[in-house]
């Protein structure tokens, strides 16, 4: 076992292929250098570059994608500085808005950013019209840089926007299984639309944070969903931990006034679970080949 941020991680039970990538992690703090946005939904604890590197070693991963977390808003300084420290083993996903200049986009590109994130779910935005506007505007800004647009939303919004997602000028990455329901299985409404989008080659999906789609302790009901996604989009799936595992706690109101603790997730167990659900070719696509192509490693 290797411990990171107080959590024991099970060692990988298989030969992790060289170049394997965790495609969704966050860095937080220090807050005296990187203050959070005043209008944030929650306040996380600290998660440093050094702790991320320990996490990577525990899982025997060579590459990582840093995602701008919502408490920082569009202030990408923490992200950019972390990318500089990590070097070529890391890529980034920034958050931008209409005030972000072209010069800033070019600076982020040089730092290793390869996408822009629109976090609809965390701030409670489920209006397809607002999502459509945000996706269209962001895709137009970043397409010329060769970036993709990453969004955290749910299956209902994905279905409502299906007519545009595969036709945006930039590819689209759907976070956290697009919030499909593991319990509802592969016959749930909307899943066929999602699979068709993935088959288009312009829409990708991140197999990360299964606790967001399953209520079972071992997430066993997500296995069939993973199989369906991997079969539909062998070149459009990537894997991630979502380390250090922020997120709302049941029955606890989110507030920026108090530090919200991270969830104690065993990411080694999560990696082993994914390896047991996929064959070796699918696993190499998921961990190595697809991230290398999408993020430009």
Protein backbone atom coordinates (compact mmCIF):
# COMPACT_ATOMS: atom_id res chain seq x y z
CA UNK A 1 0.00 0.00 0.00
CA UNK A 2 1.10 3.58 -0.73
CA UNK A 3 -0.44 6.44 1.20
CA UNK A 4 -1.16 9.83 -0.38
CA UNK A 5 -3.15 12.56 1.40
CA UNK A 6 -3.93 10.07 4.14
CA UNK A 7 -5.42 7.47 1.76
CA UNK A 8 -3.96 3.99 1.21
CA UNK A 9 -3.81 3.00 -2.46
CA UNK A 10 -3.78 -0.65 -3.52
CA UNK A 11 -0.80 -1.42 -5.80
CA UNK A 12 -1.66 -2.21 -9.44
CA UNK A 13 -2.28 -5.94 -9.86
CA UNK A 14 -1.21 -5.92 -13.52
CA UNK A 15 1.64 -4.61 -15.64
CA UNK A 16 0.70 -0.98 -16.16
CA UNK A 17 1.74 -0.18 -19.76
CA UNK A 18 4.43 2.47 -20.33
CA UNK A 19 2.94 5.89 -21.01
CA UNK A 20 -0.23 5.23 -19.00
CA UNK A 21 -2.09 8.44 -18.19
CA UNK A 22 -4.44 9.69 -15.50
CA UNK A 23 -6.57 12.11 -17.51
CA UNK A 24 -8.25 14.10 -14.73
CA UNK A 25 -6.61 15.40 -11.56
CA UNK A 26 -6.58 18.73 -9.73
CA UNK A 27 -3.98 20.80 -7.91
CA UNK A 28 -5.14 23.06 -5.06
CA UNK A 29 -3.07 25.71 -3.32
CA UNK A 30 -1.17 27.08 -1.66
CA UNK A 31 -3.93 29.65 -1.24
CA UNK A 32 -1.60 32.49 -0.28
CA UNK A 33 -0.15 32.26 -3.78
CA UNK A 34 -3.21 31.00 -5.66
CA UNK A 35 -6.35 32.41 -3.99
CA UNK A 36 -9.73 30.92 -4.84
CA UNK A 37 -12.44 32.80 -6.68
CA UNK A 38 -14.77 34.76 -4.36
CA UNK A 39 -17.91 33.31 -5.97
CA UNK A 40 -16.89 29.64 -5.69
CA UNK A 41 -19.31 26.90 -4.65
CA UNK A 42 -16.94 25.21 -2.19
CA UNK A 43 -13.47 25.50 -0.67
CA UNK A 44 -11.19 22.45 -0.99
CA UNK A 45 -8.17 21.49 1.05
CA UNK A 46 -4.62 21.56 -0.32
CA UNK A 47 -3.32 19.07 -2.90
CA UNK A 48 0.20 19.82 -4.05
CA UNK A 49 2.33 18.89 -7.05
CA UNK A 50 4.50 16.76 -4.73
CA UNK A 51 1.44 14.84 -3.54
CA UNK A 52 0.31 14.37 -7.14
CA UNK A 53 3.70 12.90 -8.03
CA UNK A 54 3.42 10.50 -5.08
CA UNK A 55 -0.02 9.54 -6.36
CA UNK A 56 1.40 8.89 -9.83
CA UNK A 57 4.15 6.69 -8.39
CA UNK A 58 1.68 4.69 -6.32
CA UNK A 59 -0.33 3.87 -9.46
CA UNK A 60 2.77 3.48 -11.73
CA UNK A 61 1.49 6.08 -14.16
CA UNK A 62 3.81 8.08 -16.42
CA UNK A 63 1.52 10.87 -17.61
CA UNK A 64 -1.17 13.10 -16.17
CA UNK A 65 -3.73 15.71 -17.24
CA UNK A 66 -4.38 18.59 -14.84
CA UNK A 67 -7.88 20.03 -15.00
CA UNK A 68 -8.64 23.56 -13.81
CA UNK A 69 -10.92 23.11 -10.77
CA UNK A 70 -14.03 25.24 -10.34
CA UNK A 71 -12.90 27.08 -7.15
CA UNK A 72 -10.26 28.90 -9.23
CA UNK A 73 -12.72 30.17 -11.82
CA UNK A 74 -10.80 31.47 -14.86
CA UNK A 75 -7.60 32.18 -12.92
CA UNK A 76 -5.38 29.48 -14.43
CA UNK A 77 -2.13 30.49 -12.68
CA UNK A 78 -2.00 27.47 -10.37
CA UNK A 79 -2.61 25.16 -13.32
CA UNK A 80 0.02 26.80 -15.54
CA UNK A 81 2.66 26.84 -12.82
CA UNK A 82 2.03 23.17 -12.00
CA UNK A 83 2.37 22.28 -15.68
CA UNK A 84 5.70 24.10 -15.82
CA UNK A 85 6.96 22.12 -12.82
CA UNK A 86 5.77 18.78 -14.20
CA UNK A 87 7.15 19.27 -17.70
CA UNK A 88 6.38 17.02 -20.66
CA UNK A 89 4.70 14.32 -18.56
CA UNK A 90 1.73 16.64 -18.03
CA UNK A 91 -0.96 18.42 -20.04
CA UNK A 92 -3.69 20.77 -18.89
CA UNK A 93 -7.33 21.74 -19.34
CA UNK A 94 -8.05 25.41 -18.61
CA UNK A 95 -11.22 27.38 -17.89
CA UNK A 96 -11.73 30.53 -19.96
CA UNK A 97 -14.41 33.13 -20.59
CA UNK A 98 -15.06 36.11 -22.85
CA UNK A 99 -12.43 38.18 -21.01
CA UNK A 100 -9.64 35.67 -21.72
CA UNK A 101 -7.38 37.26 -24.32
CA UNK A 102 -5.82 35.57 -27.33
CA UNK A 103 -2.42 36.24 -25.77
CA UNK A 104 -3.49 34.35 -22.65
CA UNK A 105 -4.69 31.42 -24.75
CA UNK A 106 -1.33 31.31 -26.50
CA UNK A 107 0.46 31.42 -23.14
CA UNK A 108 -1.63 28.52 -21.89
CA UNK A 109 -0.90 26.62 -25.09
CA UNK A 110 2.83 26.99 -24.50
CA UNK A 111 2.36 25.84 -20.90
CA UNK A 112 0.82 22.56 -22.10
CA UNK A 113 -2.91 23.28 -22.09
CA UNK A 114 -4.81 21.30 -24.72
CA UNK A 115 -8.45 21.96 -23.87
CA UNK A 116 -10.98 24.26 -22.20
CA UNK A 117 -13.46 23.04 -19.61
CA UNK A 118 -17.09 24.04 -19.10
CA UNK A 119 -18.24 22.78 -15.71
CA UNK A 120 -22.03 22.83 -15.95
CA UNK A 121 -22.88 20.16 -13.37
CA UNK A 122 -21.01 21.53 -10.36
CA UNK A 123 -22.73 24.92 -10.59
CA UNK A 124 -26.11 23.33 -11.22
CA UNK A 125 -26.55 24.42 -14.84
CA UNK A 126 -28.78 21.93 -16.63
CA UNK A 127 -30.36 24.29 -19.13
CA UNK A 128 -29.56 22.96 -22.64
CA UNK A 129 -29.84 26.47 -24.12
CA UNK A 130 -27.15 27.81 -21.76
CA UNK A 131 -25.00 24.74 -22.37
CA UNK A 132 -25.35 25.14 -26.14
CA UNK A 133 -24.25 28.76 -25.97
CA UNK A 134 -21.27 28.02 -23.73
CA UNK A 135 -20.08 25.09 -25.85
CA UNK A 136 -20.43 26.99 -29.12
CA UNK A 137 -18.59 30.06 -27.89
CA UNK A 138 -15.77 28.10 -26.27
CA UNK A 139 -15.29 25.78 -29.25
CA UNK A 140 -15.01 28.79 -31.55
CA UNK A 141 -12.29 30.28 -29.34
CA UNK A 142 -10.11 27.18 -29.05
CA UNK A 143 -10.53 25.30 -32.32
CA UNK A 144 -7.69 27.17 -34.00
CA UNK A 145 -5.32 26.06 -31.23
CA UNK A 146 -6.14 22.41 -31.82
CA UNK A 147 -7.78 22.18 -28.39
CA UNK A 148 -10.91 20.27 -27.44
CA UNK A 149 -13.81 21.35 -25.23
CA UNK A 150 -14.33 19.37 -22.04
CA UNK A 151 -17.63 19.53 -20.24
CA UNK A 152 -19.07 18.09 -17.06
CA UNK A 153 -22.77 17.61 -17.63
CA UNK A 154 -25.39 14.87 -17.60
CA UNK A 155 -26.90 12.51 -20.13
CA UNK A 156 -30.11 14.52 -20.46
CA UNK A 157 -28.18 17.61 -21.59
CA UNK A 158 -25.99 15.50 -23.90
CA UNK A 159 -29.08 14.12 -25.63
CA UNK A 160 -30.63 17.59 -25.94
CA UNK A 161 -27.45 18.85 -27.62
CA UNK A 162 -26.71 15.78 -29.71
CA UNK A 163 -27.42 17.63 -32.96
CA UNK A 164 -24.53 20.03 -32.34
CA UNK A 165 -21.93 18.10 -30.33
CA UNK A 166 -20.47 16.13 -33.22
CA UNK A 167 -20.44 19.22 -35.45
CA UNK A 168 -18.62 21.75 -33.30
CA UNK A 169 -15.34 23.08 -34.71
CA UNK A 170 -13.50 21.46 -31.77
CA UNK A 171 -13.84 17.91 -30.43
CA UNK A 172 -15.79 17.41 -27.19
CA UNK A 173 -14.76 15.44 -24.09
CA UNK A 174 -17.55 14.38 -21.72
CA UNK A 175 -16.45 14.14 -18.09
CA UNK A 176 -17.31 11.39 -15.61
CA UNK A 177 -19.26 9.00 -17.84
CA UNK A 178 -21.57 11.88 -18.88
CA UNK A 179 -23.42 11.06 -15.64
CA UNK A 180 -25.15 7.99 -17.09
CA UNK A 181 -26.94 5.80 -14.54
CA UNK A 182 -25.14 2.52 -13.88
CA UNK A 183 -28.24 1.13 -12.19
CA UNK A 184 -30.35 1.79 -15.31
CA UNK A 185 -27.97 -0.30 -17.42
CA UNK A 186 -27.37 -0.31 -21.14
CA UNK A 187 -31.05 0.03 -22.12
CA UNK A 188 -31.53 3.39 -20.37
CA UNK A 189 -33.01 6.26 -22.40
CA UNK A 190 -30.37 8.37 -24.07
CA UNK A 191 -27.51 5.87 -23.96
CA UNK A 192 -27.92 4.94 -27.63
CA UNK A 193 -27.64 8.63 -28.55
CA UNK A 194 -24.46 8.91 -26.50
CA UNK A 195 -22.97 5.81 -28.15
CA UNK A 196 -23.74 7.20 -31.61
CA UNK A 197 -21.99 10.46 -30.67
CA UNK A 198 -18.94 8.53 -29.55
CA UNK A 199 -18.90 6.58 -32.81
CA UNK A 200 -18.72 9.88 -34.71
CA UNK A 201 -15.10 10.29 -33.66
CA UNK A 202 -15.70 13.88 -32.56
CA UNK A 203 -16.98 13.14 -29.07
CA UNK A 204 -14.91 11.45 -26.35
CA UNK A 205 -15.78 10.24 -22.86
CA UNK A 206 -13.81 10.02 -19.65
CA UNK A 207 -14.24 6.89 -17.55
CA UNK A 208 -13.68 8.52 -14.20
CA UNK A 209 -15.28 8.87 -10.75
CA UNK A 210 -17.68 5.88 -10.93
CA UNK A 211 -19.21 6.96 -7.62
CA UNK A 212 -20.92 9.68 -9.64
CA UNK A 213 -22.92 7.06 -11.61
CA UNK A 214 -23.19 4.08 -9.22
CA UNK A 215 -24.46 3.67 -5.66
CA UNK A 216 -22.83 0.25 -5.11
CA UNK A 217 -19.70 0.06 -2.94
CA UNK A 218 -17.75 -1.79 -5.68
CA UNK A 219 -19.51 -0.04 -8.60
CA UNK A 220 -20.14 -3.47 -10.15
CA UNK A 221 -23.18 -2.20 -12.05
CA UNK A 222 -20.90 0.14 -14.03
CA UNK A 223 -19.16 -2.82 -15.72
CA UNK A 224 -21.72 -3.16 -18.52
CA UNK A 225 -21.66 0.60 -19.12
CA UNK A 226 -17.86 0.50 -19.44
CA UNK A 227 -18.08 -2.41 -21.88
CA UNK A 228 -20.64 -0.60 -24.03
CA UNK A 229 -18.59 2.61 -24.12
CA UNK A 230 -15.32 0.83 -24.90
CA UNK A 231 -16.94 -1.16 -27.69
CA UNK A 232 -18.66 1.86 -29.23
CA UNK A 233 -15.62 4.14 -29.03
CA UNK A 234 -12.37 2.16 -28.80
CA UNK A 235 -10.48 5.35 -29.76
CA UNK A 236 -12.69 7.75 -27.82
CA UNK A 237 -12.37 6.62 -24.21
CA UNK A 238 -9.82 7.70 -21.61
CA UNK A 239 -9.46 6.88 -17.91
CA UNK A 240 -8.97 9.09 -14.88
CA UNK A 241 -9.05 9.05 -11.11
CA UNK A 242 -10.49 12.52 -10.39
CA UNK A 243 -7.81 12.81 -7.66
CA UNK A 244 -7.86 14.21 -4.97
CA UNK A 245 -11.60 13.52 -5.00
CA UNK A 246 -13.48 16.64 -4.16
CA UNK A 247 -17.25 16.61 -4.31
CA UNK A 248 -20.33 17.11 -2.23
CA UNK A 249 -20.94 14.92 0.82
CA UNK A 250 -24.41 13.41 1.34
CA UNK A 251 -26.55 15.62 3.53
CA UNK A 252 -23.91 18.35 3.82
CA UNK A 253 -24.56 21.72 2.22
CA UNK A 254 -21.64 23.01 0.17
CA UNK A 255 -20.29 26.35 1.31
CA UNK A 256 -17.17 28.40 0.57
CA UNK A 257 -16.83 29.29 4.26
CA UNK A 258 -15.54 25.89 5.41
CA UNK A 259 -12.89 23.58 3.96
CA UNK A 260 -14.62 20.62 2.32
CA UNK A 261 -12.65 17.38 2.93
CA UNK A 262 -11.67 15.13 0.06
CA UNK A 263 -13.25 11.71 -0.28
CA UNK A 264 -10.98 8.78 0.76
CA UNK A 265 -10.90 6.87 -2.55
CA UNK A 266 -8.49 3.98 -3.19
CA UNK A 267 -7.36 4.82 -6.74
CA UNK A 268 -5.23 1.70 -7.06
CA UNK A 269 -8.34 -0.37 -6.53
CA UNK A 270 -10.13 1.73 -9.16
CA UNK A 271 -7.32 1.10 -11.67
CA UNK A 272 -7.37 -2.64 -10.97
CA UNK A 273 -11.13 -2.71 -11.38
CA UNK A 274 -10.89 -1.12 -14.82
CA UNK A 275 -8.16 -3.60 -15.83
CA UNK A 276 -10.43 -6.48 -14.83
CA UNK A 277 -13.30 -5.14 -16.94
CA UNK A 278 -11.38 -4.64 -20.20
CA UNK A 279 -9.09 -6.76 -22.36
CA UNK A 280 -5.43 -5.81 -22.84
CA UNK A 281 -6.01 -4.00 -26.15
CA UNK A 282 -8.87 -1.95 -24.76
CA UNK A 283 -6.84 -1.13 -21.67
CA UNK A 284 -3.85 0.05 -23.74
CA UNK A 285 -6.19 2.26 -25.81
CA UNK A 286 -7.77 3.67 -22.66
CA UNK A 287 -4.57 4.33 -20.70
CA UNK A 288 -1.96 5.08 -23.38
CA UNK A 289 -2.93 5.45 -27.03
CA UNK A 290 -6.07 7.57 -26.72
CA UNK A 291 -4.60 10.07 -24.21
CA UNK A 292 -1.42 10.36 -26.27
CA UNK A 293 -3.41 11.28 -29.36
CA UNK A 294 -5.92 13.60 -27.70
CA UNK A 295 -3.50 15.51 -25.45
CA UNK A 296 -0.48 15.46 -27.73
CA UNK A 297 1.98 13.52 -25.58
